[in-house]
Amino acid sequence: MLHRFSRQGLICITQPNHAWLSGQLAQVWGNEQFGDFVPRKEVCFGAEQHDIGWVVWEQSPTLNPQTGYPHHFTELPTQEHINIWSNAKQFAFVLGRYVALLISLHGTGLYERFTSWQNSPTSTQIVEKFLKQEYLWQEQLIALLKNDPYYATYVTSEVITRNRKLVATWDALSIIFCQGMTSQQQLIHHVPILNDEATLELTLLDNQENHQQIVVSPWPFQLNEVTLVYEGKFLRHTFSNEMAMQEALMGDCWVTLTTTLKPD
């Protein structure tokens, strides 16, 4: 779950809803500088579903007693986080092999880039076991796809590397947009362009309660302007009882959020 703080309380955005926003970014991504990606439909679908492993947890989110709010996705214990990502490939596999591969690669990529788990011997053991199992599964799935005449050209190391970087980019952008920009500028590094990488600069242009306008430079999209829509649940106060918090989230507390992106 992602958190977006407002003057009246906390807006909670589920991981699958944040992933939906990633999919929206994928669908309009690409131009002469940033290039295209293949297989386009599968990569867009993978971006949209990259947090499918969170579906069960989001139905009964746990309470963080230190904050009085549902756990932010970064606050969960390592074992619980690993359980979510271990199950993700099984949920994703019914959506298609390439989609499942992208989701699994995104999960392992998170633990490769964010290595705070290495500070704990117990967490290190848990994560290393997960990575070993996930790498093996990925190898087997890639071998399977290489035997498919349609997908064989899409599982080269070059194509896979570009696609996993794109999913990571859309994920990072979506997290910023969902949680709301809290500083005037933010940077996204290692964004794939044609035969190279770039850094995206985000500049907050207008900041309203449920809507932000952001300038993106360089401009990576097909359209001259992009408007994203996503949803959250509004909590007006903190909780000391987990069931009460879950009941509040099940109530009519929806809020629609939008982000408009503009070129420099």
C-alpha atoms as a PDB file:
ATOM      1  CA  MET A   1       0.000   0.000   0.000  1.00  0.00           C
ATOM      2  CA  LEU A   2       1.138   3.521  -0.802  1.00  0.00           C
ATOM      3  CA  HIS A   3       0.466   6.583   1.357  1.00  0.00           C
ATOM      4  CA  ARG A   4      -0.430  10.065   0.186  1.00  0.00           C
ATOM      5  CA  PHE A   5      -0.750  12.608   2.956  1.00  0.00           C
ATOM      6  CA  SER A   6      -3.288  15.408   2.663  1.00  0.00           C
ATOM      7  CA  ARG A   7      -4.489  18.183   4.960  1.00  0.00           C
ATOM      8  CA  GLN A   8      -7.515  16.111   6.044  1.00  0.00           C
ATOM      9  CA  GLY A   9      -5.834  12.745   6.544  1.00  0.00           C
ATOM     10  CA  LEU A  10      -4.214   9.868   4.668  1.00  0.00           C
ATOM     11  CA  ILE A  11      -5.042   8.575   1.185  1.00  0.00           C
ATOM     12  CA  CYS A  12      -4.232   4.869   0.853  1.00  0.00           C
ATOM     13  CA  ILE A  13      -3.507   3.590  -2.664  1.00  0.00           C
ATOM     14  CA  THR A  14      -3.333  -0.144  -3.214  1.00  0.00           C
ATOM     15  CA  GLN A  15      -0.374  -1.729  -4.971  1.00  0.00           C
ATOM     16  CA  PRO A  16      -2.544  -3.045  -7.851  1.00  0.00           C
ATOM     17  CA  ASN A  17      -4.011   0.450  -8.372  1.00  0.00           C
ATOM     18  CA  HIS A  18      -0.512   1.932  -8.443  1.00  0.00           C
ATOM     19  CA  ALA A  19       0.390  -0.747 -11.003  1.00  0.00           C
ATOM     20  CA  TRP A  20      -2.606   0.316 -13.109  1.00  0.00           C
ATOM     21  CA  LEU A  21      -1.031   3.776 -13.291  1.00  0.00           C
ATOM     22  CA  SER A  22       2.241   2.149 -14.431  1.00  0.00           C
ATOM     23  CA  GLY A  23       0.276   0.497 -17.217  1.00  0.00           C
ATOM     24  CA  GLN A  24      -1.180   3.845 -18.251  1.00  0.00           C
ATOM     25  CA  LEU A  25       2.353   5.229 -18.569  1.00  0.00           C
ATOM     26  CA  ALA A  26       3.420   2.225 -20.657  1.00  0.00           C
ATOM     27  CA  GLN A  27       0.552   2.645 -23.096  1.00  0.00           C
ATOM     28  CA  VAL A  28       1.610   6.170 -24.100  1.00  0.00           C
ATOM     29  CA  TRP A  29       5.394   5.711 -23.801  1.00  0.00           C
ATOM     30  CA  GLY A  30       7.805   6.092 -26.680  1.00  0.00           C
ATOM     31  CA  ASN A  31       8.944   8.590 -29.304  1.00  0.00           C
ATOM     32  CA  GLU A  32      11.961   9.318 -31.505  1.00  0.00           C
ATOM     33  CA  GLN A  33      14.297   9.819 -28.535  1.00  0.00           C
ATOM     34  CA  PHE A  34      12.989   7.078 -26.245  1.00  0.00           C
ATOM     35  CA  GLY A  35      12.136   4.514 -28.899  1.00  0.00           C
ATOM     36  CA  ASP A  36       9.527   1.775 -28.768  1.00  0.00           C
ATOM     37  CA  PHE A  37       9.469  -1.597 -27.005  1.00  0.00           C
ATOM     38  CA  VAL A  38       8.452  -5.136 -27.921  1.00  0.00           C
ATOM     39  CA  PRO A  39       6.309  -7.137 -27.471  1.00  0.00           C
ATOM     40  CA  ARG A  40       4.306  -3.981 -26.771  1.00  0.00           C
ATOM     41  CA  LYS A  41       1.000  -5.528 -25.650  1.00  0.00           C
ATOM     42  CA  GLU A  42       2.667  -7.949 -23.252  1.00  0.00           C
ATOM     43  CA  VAL A  43       4.982  -5.334 -21.758  1.00  0.00           C
ATOM     44  CA  CYS A  44       2.068  -2.932 -21.200  1.00  0.00           C
ATOM     45  CA  PHE A  45       0.093  -5.757 -19.585  1.00  0.00           C
ATOM     46  CA  GLY A  46       3.075  -6.707 -17.411  1.00  0.00           C
ATOM     47  CA  ALA A  47       3.496  -3.116 -16.243  1.00  0.00           C
ATOM     48  CA  GLU A  48      -0.206  -2.916 -15.420  1.00  0.00           C
ATOM     49  CA  GLN A  49      -0.112  -6.159 -13.433  1.00  0.00           C
ATOM     50  CA  HIS A  50       3.378  -5.967 -11.912  1.00  0.00           C
ATOM     51  CA  ASP A  51       2.012  -5.878  -8.341  1.00  0.00           C
ATOM     52  CA  ILE A  52      -0.547  -8.656  -8.770  1.00  0.00           C
ATOM     53  CA  GLY A  53       1.125 -10.524  -5.905  1.00  0.00           C
ATOM     54  CA  TRP A  54      -0.272  -7.922  -3.501  1.00  0.00           C
ATOM     55  CA  VAL A  55      -3.928  -8.624  -4.316  1.00  0.00           C
ATOM     56  CA  VAL A  56      -4.534 -10.926  -1.333  1.00  0.00           C
ATOM     57  CA  TRP A  57      -2.685  -8.728   1.195  1.00  0.00           C
ATOM     58  CA  GLU A  58      -4.529  -5.610   0.020  1.00  0.00           C
ATOM     59  CA  GLN A  59      -7.878  -7.237   0.823  1.00  0.00           C
ATOM     60  CA  SER A  60      -6.894  -7.333   4.518  1.00  0.00           C
ATOM     61  CA  PRO A  61      -4.065  -4.855   5.008  1.00  0.00           C
ATOM     62  CA  THR A  62      -2.245  -5.017   8.314  1.00  0.00           C
ATOM     63  CA  LEU A  63      -2.015  -2.190  10.809  1.00  0.00           C
ATOM     64  CA  ASN A  64       1.262  -0.535  11.676  1.00  0.00           C
ATOM     65  CA  PRO A  65       0.792   0.217  15.406  1.00  0.00           C
ATOM     66  CA  GLN A  66       3.573   2.811  15.297  1.00  0.00           C
ATOM     67  CA  THR A  67       1.737   4.995  12.761  1.00  0.00           C
ATOM     68  CA  GLY A  68      -1.909   3.986  13.260  1.00  0.00           C
ATOM     69  CA  TYR A  69      -2.217   3.502   9.504  1.00  0.00           C
ATOM     70  CA  PRO A  70      -2.020   0.461   7.186  1.00  0.00           C
ATOM     71  CA  HIS A  71       1.518  -0.702   6.591  1.00  0.00           C
ATOM     72  CA  HIS A  72       3.257   1.160   3.783  1.00  0.00           C
ATOM     73  CA  PHE A  73       4.795  -1.343   1.365  1.00  0.00           C
ATOM     74  CA  THR A  74       8.262  -0.468   2.682  1.00  0.00           C
ATOM     75  CA  GLU A  75       7.259  -1.175   6.295  1.00  0.00           C
ATOM     76  CA  LEU A  76       6.434  -4.881   6.008  1.00  0.00           C
ATOM     77  CA  PRO A  77       8.780  -7.462   7.540  1.00  0.00           C
ATOM     78  CA  THR A  78      11.132  -9.111   5.049  1.00  0.00           C
ATOM     79  CA  GLN A  79       9.464 -12.522   5.298  1.00  0.00           C
ATOM     80  CA  GLU A  80       6.006 -11.124   4.557  1.00  0.00           C
ATOM     81  CA  HIS A  81       7.352  -9.112   1.637  1.00  0.00           C
ATOM     82  CA  ILE A  82       9.085 -12.215   0.274  1.00  0.00           C
ATOM     83  CA  ASN A  83       5.900 -14.271   0.640  1.00  0.00           C
ATOM     84  CA  ILE A  84       4.069 -11.720  -1.504  1.00  0.00           C
ATOM     85  CA  TRP A  85       6.686 -11.782  -4.249  1.00  0.00           C
ATOM     86  CA  SER A  86       7.094 -15.562  -4.093  1.00  0.00           C
ATOM     87  CA  ASN A  87       3.385 -15.940  -4.896  1.00  0.00           C
ATOM     88  CA  ALA A  88       3.379 -13.240  -7.582  1.00  0.00           C
ATOM     89  CA  LYS A  89       4.595 -15.478 -10.400  1.00  0.00           C
ATOM     90  CA  GLN A  90       1.812 -17.988  -9.753  1.00  0.00           C
ATOM     91  CA  PHE A  91      -0.850 -15.272 -10.001  1.00  0.00           C
ATOM     92  CA  ALA A  92       0.888 -13.831 -13.073  1.00  0.00           C
ATOM     93  CA  PHE A  93       1.385 -17.136 -14.887  1.00  0.00           C
ATOM     94  CA  VAL A  94      -2.326 -17.385 -15.693  1.00  0.00           C
ATOM     95  CA  LEU A  95      -2.036 -14.027 -17.482  1.00  0.00           C
ATOM     96  CA  GLY A  96       0.632 -15.297 -19.868  1.00  0.00           C
ATOM     97  CA  ARG A  97       4.236 -16.456 -19.884  1.00  0.00           C
ATOM     98  CA  TYR A  98       5.874 -13.195 -20.945  1.00  0.00           C
ATOM     99  CA  VAL A  99       3.832 -11.199 -18.460  1.00  0.00           C
ATOM    100  CA  ALA A 100       4.808 -13.639 -15.710  1.00  0.00           C
ATOM    101  CA  LEU A 101       8.475 -13.333 -16.699  1.00  0.00           C
ATOM    102  CA  LEU A 102       8.380  -9.527 -16.501  1.00  0.00           C
ATOM    103  CA  ILE A 103       6.692  -9.591 -13.096  1.00  0.00           C
ATOM    104  CA  SER A 104       9.204 -12.078 -11.717  1.00  0.00           C
ATOM    105  CA  LEU A 105      12.100 -10.025 -13.122  1.00  0.00           C
ATOM    106  CA  HIS A 106      10.665  -6.905 -11.535  1.00  0.00           C
ATOM    107  CA  GLY A 107      10.475  -8.646  -8.156  1.00  0.00           C
ATOM    108  CA  THR A 108      14.079  -9.833  -8.237  1.00  0.00           C
ATOM    109  CA  GLY A 109      15.167  -6.443  -9.563  1.00  0.00           C
ATOM    110  CA  LEU A 110      13.747  -4.738  -6.486  1.00  0.00           C
ATOM    111  CA  TYR A 111      15.912  -6.838  -4.178  1.00  0.00           C
ATOM    112  CA  GLU A 112      18.945  -6.320  -6.417  1.00  0.00           C
ATOM    113  CA  ARG A 113      18.596  -2.509  -6.336  1.00  0.00           C
ATOM    114  CA  PHE A 114      17.371  -1.968  -2.778  1.00  0.00           C
ATOM    115  CA  THR A 115      19.712  -3.934  -0.544  1.00  0.00           C
ATOM    116  CA  SER A 116      18.806  -2.861   3.003  1.00  0.00           C
ATOM    117  CA  TRP A 117      17.916  -6.515   3.635  1.00  0.00           C
ATOM    118  CA  GLN A 118      21.665  -7.242   3.679  1.00  0.00           C
ATOM    119  CA  ASN A 119      21.907  -5.470   7.050  1.00  0.00           C
ATOM    120  CA  SER A 120      20.245  -8.430   8.779  1.00  0.00           C
ATOM    121  CA  PRO A 121      21.582 -12.015   8.681  1.00  0.00           C
ATOM    122  CA  THR A 122      18.045 -13.405   8.918  1.00  0.00           C
ATOM    123  CA  SER A 123      16.740 -11.183   6.118  1.00  0.00           C
ATOM    124  CA  THR A 124      19.809 -12.001   4.011  1.00  0.00           C
ATOM    125  CA  GLN A 125      19.102 -15.724   4.284  1.00  0.00           C
ATOM    126  CA  ILE A 126      15.429 -15.236   3.396  1.00  0.00           C
ATOM    127  CA  VAL A 127      16.102 -13.021   0.381  1.00  0.00           C
ATOM    128  CA  GLU A 128      18.986 -15.077  -0.995  1.00  0.00           C
ATOM    129  CA  LYS A 129      16.822 -18.206  -0.923  1.00  0.00           C
ATOM    130  CA  PHE A 130      14.042 -16.344  -2.741  1.00  0.00           C
ATOM    131  CA  LEU A 131      16.428 -14.983  -5.386  1.00  0.00           C
ATOM    132  CA  LYS A 132      17.937 -18.412  -6.027  1.00  0.00           C
ATOM    133  CA  GLN A 133      14.512 -19.969  -6.558  1.00  0.00           C
ATOM    134  CA  GLU A 134      13.287 -17.061  -8.680  1.00  0.00           C
ATOM    135  CA  TYR A 135      16.378 -17.018 -10.922  1.00  0.00           C
ATOM    136  CA  LEU A 136      15.942 -20.727 -11.633  1.00  0.00           C
ATOM    137  CA  TRP A 137      12.265 -20.231 -12.485  1.00  0.00           C
ATOM    138  CA  GLN A 138      13.141 -17.351 -14.801  1.00  0.00           C
ATOM    139  CA  GLU A 139      15.752 -19.441 -16.602  1.00  0.00           C
ATOM    140  CA  GLN A 140      13.249 -22.239 -17.148  1.00  0.00           C
ATOM    141  CA  LEU A 141      10.602 -19.833 -18.429  1.00  0.00           C
ATOM    142  CA  ILE A 142      13.029 -18.121 -20.810  1.00  0.00           C
ATOM    143  CA  ALA A 143      14.040 -21.525 -22.184  1.00  0.00           C
ATOM    144  CA  LEU A 144      10.359 -22.311 -22.717  1.00  0.00           C
ATOM    145  CA  LEU A 145       9.762 -19.019 -24.540  1.00  0.00           C
ATOM    146  CA  LYS A 146      12.830 -19.550 -26.760  1.00  0.00           C
ATOM    147  CA  ASN A 147      11.068 -22.592 -28.203  1.00  0.00           C
ATOM    148  CA  ASP A 148       8.061 -20.476 -29.180  1.00  0.00           C
ATOM    149  CA  PRO A 149       8.491 -18.970 -32.691  1.00  0.00           C
ATOM    150  CA  TYR A 150       6.530 -15.864 -31.665  1.00  0.00           C
ATOM    151  CA  TYR A 151       8.368 -15.083 -28.414  1.00  0.00           C
ATOM    152  CA  ALA A 152      11.882 -16.292 -29.284  1.00  0.00           C
ATOM    153  CA  THR A 153      13.053 -12.855 -30.482  1.00  0.00           C
ATOM    154  CA  TYR A 154      11.670 -11.201 -27.330  1.00  0.00           C
ATOM    155  CA  VAL A 155      13.755 -13.171 -24.820  1.00  0.00           C
ATOM    156  CA  THR A 156      17.209 -12.082 -25.909  1.00  0.00           C
ATOM    157  CA  SER A 157      19.231 -10.501 -23.127  1.00  0.00           C
ATOM    158  CA  GLU A 158      19.020  -7.087 -24.842  1.00  0.00           C
ATOM    159  CA  VAL A 159      15.232  -7.085 -25.132  1.00  0.00           C
ATOM    160  CA  ILE A 160      14.687  -8.447 -21.622  1.00  0.00           C
ATOM    161  CA  THR A 161      17.087  -5.906 -20.092  1.00  0.00           C
ATOM    162  CA  ARG A 162      15.360  -2.999 -21.842  1.00  0.00           C
ATOM    163  CA  ASN A 163      11.882  -4.201 -20.865  1.00  0.00           C
ATOM    164  CA  ARG A 164      12.707  -4.770 -17.191  1.00  0.00           C
ATOM    165  CA  LYS A 165      14.287  -1.288 -17.030  1.00  0.00           C
ATOM    166  CA  LEU A 166      11.149   0.196 -18.557  1.00  0.00           C
ATOM    167  CA  VAL A 167       8.883  -1.546 -16.032  1.00  0.00           C
ATOM    168  CA  ALA A 168      11.166  -0.293 -13.240  1.00  0.00           C
ATOM    169  CA  THR A 169      10.966   3.243 -14.660  1.00  0.00           C
ATOM    170  CA  TRP A 170       7.167   3.230 -14.852  1.00  0.00           C
ATOM    171  CA  ASP A 171       7.022   1.769 -11.346  1.00  0.00           C
ATOM    172  CA  ALA A 172       9.240   4.550  -9.973  1.00  0.00           C
ATOM    173  CA  LEU A 173       7.237   7.255 -11.754  1.00  0.00           C
ATOM    174  CA  SER A 174       3.951   5.786 -10.566  1.00  0.00           C
ATOM    175  CA  ILE A 175       5.121   5.696  -6.940  1.00  0.00           C
ATOM    176  CA  ILE A 176       6.034   9.393  -7.129  1.00  0.00           C
ATOM    177  CA  PHE A 177       2.727  10.333  -8.750  1.00  0.00           C
ATOM    178  CA  CYS A 178       0.620   8.219  -6.375  1.00  0.00           C
ATOM    179  CA  GLN A 179       2.310   9.532  -3.241  1.00  0.00           C
ATOM    180  CA  GLY A 180       2.311  13.054  -4.635  1.00  0.00           C
ATOM    181  CA  MET A 181       5.417  15.113  -5.301  1.00  0.00           C
ATOM    182  CA  THR A 182       6.482  16.729  -2.052  1.00  0.00           C
ATOM    183  CA  SER A 183       9.484  18.611  -3.459  1.00  0.00           C
ATOM    184  CA  GLN A 184       9.737  20.976  -6.391  1.00  0.00           C
ATOM    185  CA  GLN A 185      11.944  18.632  -8.413  1.00  0.00           C
ATOM    186  CA  GLN A 186      12.734  14.918  -8.530  1.00  0.00           C
ATOM    187  CA  LEU A 187      14.967  12.830 -10.775  1.00  0.00           C
ATOM    188  CA  ILE A 188      14.523   9.358 -12.252  1.00  0.00           C
ATOM    189  CA  HIS A 189      17.831   7.820 -13.331  1.00  0.00           C
ATOM    190  CA  HIS A 190      18.716   4.974 -15.723  1.00  0.00           C
ATOM    191  CA  VAL A 191      15.731   5.480 -18.022  1.00  0.00           C
ATOM    192  CA  PRO A 192      16.288   3.533 -21.273  1.00  0.00           C
ATOM    193  CA  ILE A 193      16.321   5.502 -24.510  1.00  0.00           C
ATOM    194  CA  LEU A 194      17.559   4.452 -27.938  1.00  0.00           C
ATOM    195  CA  ASN A 195      20.950   2.769 -27.383  1.00  0.00           C
ATOM    196  CA  ASP A 196      21.562   4.632 -24.112  1.00  0.00           C
ATOM    197  CA  GLU A 197      20.060   5.840 -20.818  1.00  0.00           C
ATOM    198  CA  ALA A 198      18.725   9.216 -19.694  1.00  0.00           C
ATOM    199  CA  THR A 199      17.662  10.949 -16.492  1.00  0.00           C
ATOM    200  CA  LEU A 200      14.108  12.260 -16.279  1.00  0.00           C
ATOM    201  CA  GLU A 201      13.587  15.527 -14.435  1.00  0.00           C
ATOM    202  CA  LEU A 202      10.171  16.037 -12.830  1.00  0.00           C
ATOM    203  CA  THR A 203       9.155  19.590 -11.902  1.00  0.00           C
ATOM    204  CA  LEU A 204       6.018  20.282  -9.883  1.00  0.00           C
ATOM    205  CA  LEU A 205       3.976  22.889 -11.750  1.00  0.00           C
ATOM    206  CA  ASP A 206       0.691  22.906  -9.818  1.00  0.00           C
ATOM    207  CA  ASN A 207      -0.188  21.177  -6.548  1.00  0.00           C
ATOM    208  CA  GLN A 208      -3.858  20.779  -5.652  1.00  0.00           C
ATOM    209  CA  GLU A 209      -5.463  18.451  -3.108  1.00  0.00           C
ATOM    210  CA  ASN A 210      -6.204  15.579  -5.489  1.00  0.00           C
ATOM    211  CA  HIS A 211      -4.465  16.773  -8.656  1.00  0.00           C
ATOM    212  CA  GLN A 212      -0.913  17.672  -9.583  1.00  0.00           C
ATOM    213  CA  GLN A 213       0.564  19.055 -12.793  1.00  0.00           C
ATOM    214  CA  ILE A 214       4.142  17.981 -13.457  1.00  0.00           C
ATOM    215  CA  VAL A 215       6.617  18.933 -16.161  1.00  0.00           C
ATOM    216  CA  VAL A 216       8.670  16.007 -17.487  1.00  0.00           C
ATOM    217  CA  SER A 217      11.997  16.582 -19.252  1.00  0.00           C
ATOM    218  CA  PRO A 218      13.085  15.111 -21.581  1.00  0.00           C
ATOM    219  CA  TRP A 219       9.605  14.201 -22.814  1.00  0.00           C
ATOM    220  CA  PRO A 220       9.212  10.396 -23.215  1.00  0.00           C
ATOM    221  CA  PHE A 221       5.608  10.117 -24.418  1.00  0.00           C
ATOM    222  CA  GLN A 222       3.807   9.806 -27.738  1.00  0.00           C
ATOM    223  CA  LEU A 223       1.228  12.472 -26.826  1.00  0.00           C
ATOM    224  CA  ASN A 224       1.688  16.199 -26.240  1.00  0.00           C
ATOM    225  CA  GLU A 225       0.088  15.899 -22.780  1.00  0.00           C
ATOM    226  CA  VAL A 226      -0.757  12.929 -20.559  1.00  0.00           C
ATOM    227  CA  THR A 227      -3.420  12.752 -17.850  1.00  0.00           C
ATOM    228  CA  LEU A 228      -3.340   9.807 -15.441  1.00  0.00           C
ATOM    229  CA  VAL A 229      -6.232   8.705 -13.236  1.00  0.00           C
ATOM    230  CA  TYR A 230      -6.113   6.411 -10.199  1.00  0.00           C
ATOM    231  CA  GLU A 231      -7.987   5.812  -6.961  1.00  0.00           C
ATOM    232  CA  GLY A 232      -7.350   5.737  -3.240  1.00  0.00           C
ATOM    233  CA  LYS A 233      -9.132   5.264   0.071  1.00  0.00           C
ATOM    234  CA  PHE A 234      -9.310   8.210   2.472  1.00  0.00           C
ATOM    235  CA  LEU A 235      -8.681   7.767   6.210  1.00  0.00           C
ATOM    236  CA  ARG A 236      -9.406  10.816   8.368  1.00  0.00           C
ATOM    237  CA  HIS A 237      -7.750   9.511  11.544  1.00  0.00           C
ATOM    238  CA  THR A 238      -5.338   6.902  12.857  1.00  0.00           C
ATOM    239  CA  PHE A 239      -6.340   3.528  14.326  1.00  0.00           C
ATOM    240  CA  SER A 240      -5.275   1.357  17.225  1.00  0.00           C
ATOM    241  CA  ASN A 241      -7.448  -1.593  16.148  1.00  0.00           C
ATOM    242  CA  GLU A 242      -6.658  -3.448  12.923  1.00  0.00           C
ATOM    243  CA  MET A 243     -10.198  -4.653  12.299  1.00  0.00           C
ATOM    244  CA  ALA A 244     -11.571  -1.138  12.701  1.00  0.00           C
ATOM    245  CA  MET A 245      -9.030   0.119  10.190  1.00  0.00           C
ATOM    246  CA  GLN A 246      -9.940  -2.620   7.690  1.00  0.00           C
ATOM    247  CA  GLU A 247     -13.640  -1.859   8.090  1.00  0.00           C
ATOM    248  CA  ALA A 248     -12.961   1.819   7.436  1.00  0.00           C
ATOM    249  CA  LEU A 249     -11.111   0.933   4.237  1.00  0.00           C
ATOM    250  CA  MET A 250     -14.054  -1.204   3.118  1.00  0.00           C
ATOM    251  CA  GLY A 251     -16.431   1.721   3.528  1.00  0.00           C
ATOM    252  CA  ASP A 252     -17.354   4.461   1.080  1.00  0.00           C
ATOM    253  CA  CYS A 253     -14.160   6.464   1.396  1.00  0.00           C
ATOM    254  CA  TRP A 254     -12.991   6.469  -2.210  1.00  0.00           C
ATOM    255  CA  VAL A 255     -11.158   9.425  -3.708  1.00  0.00           C
ATOM    256  CA  THR A 256     -10.214   9.896  -7.367  1.00  0.00           C
ATOM    257  CA  LEU A 257      -6.746  11.286  -8.048  1.00  0.00           C
ATOM    258  CA  THR A 258      -5.318  12.702 -11.270  1.00  0.00           C
ATOM    259  CA  THR A 259      -1.877  13.721 -12.471  1.00  0.00           C
ATOM    260  CA  THR A 260      -1.288  15.739 -15.630  1.00  0.00           C
ATOM    261  CA  LEU A 261       2.127  15.527 -17.292  1.00  0.00           C
ATOM    262  CA  LYS A 262       3.402  18.274 -19.588  1.00  0.00           C
ATOM    263  CA  PRO A 263       6.563  18.677 -21.649  1.00  0.00           C
ATOM    264  CA  ASP A 264       9.133  21.337 -20.805  1.00  0.00           C
END
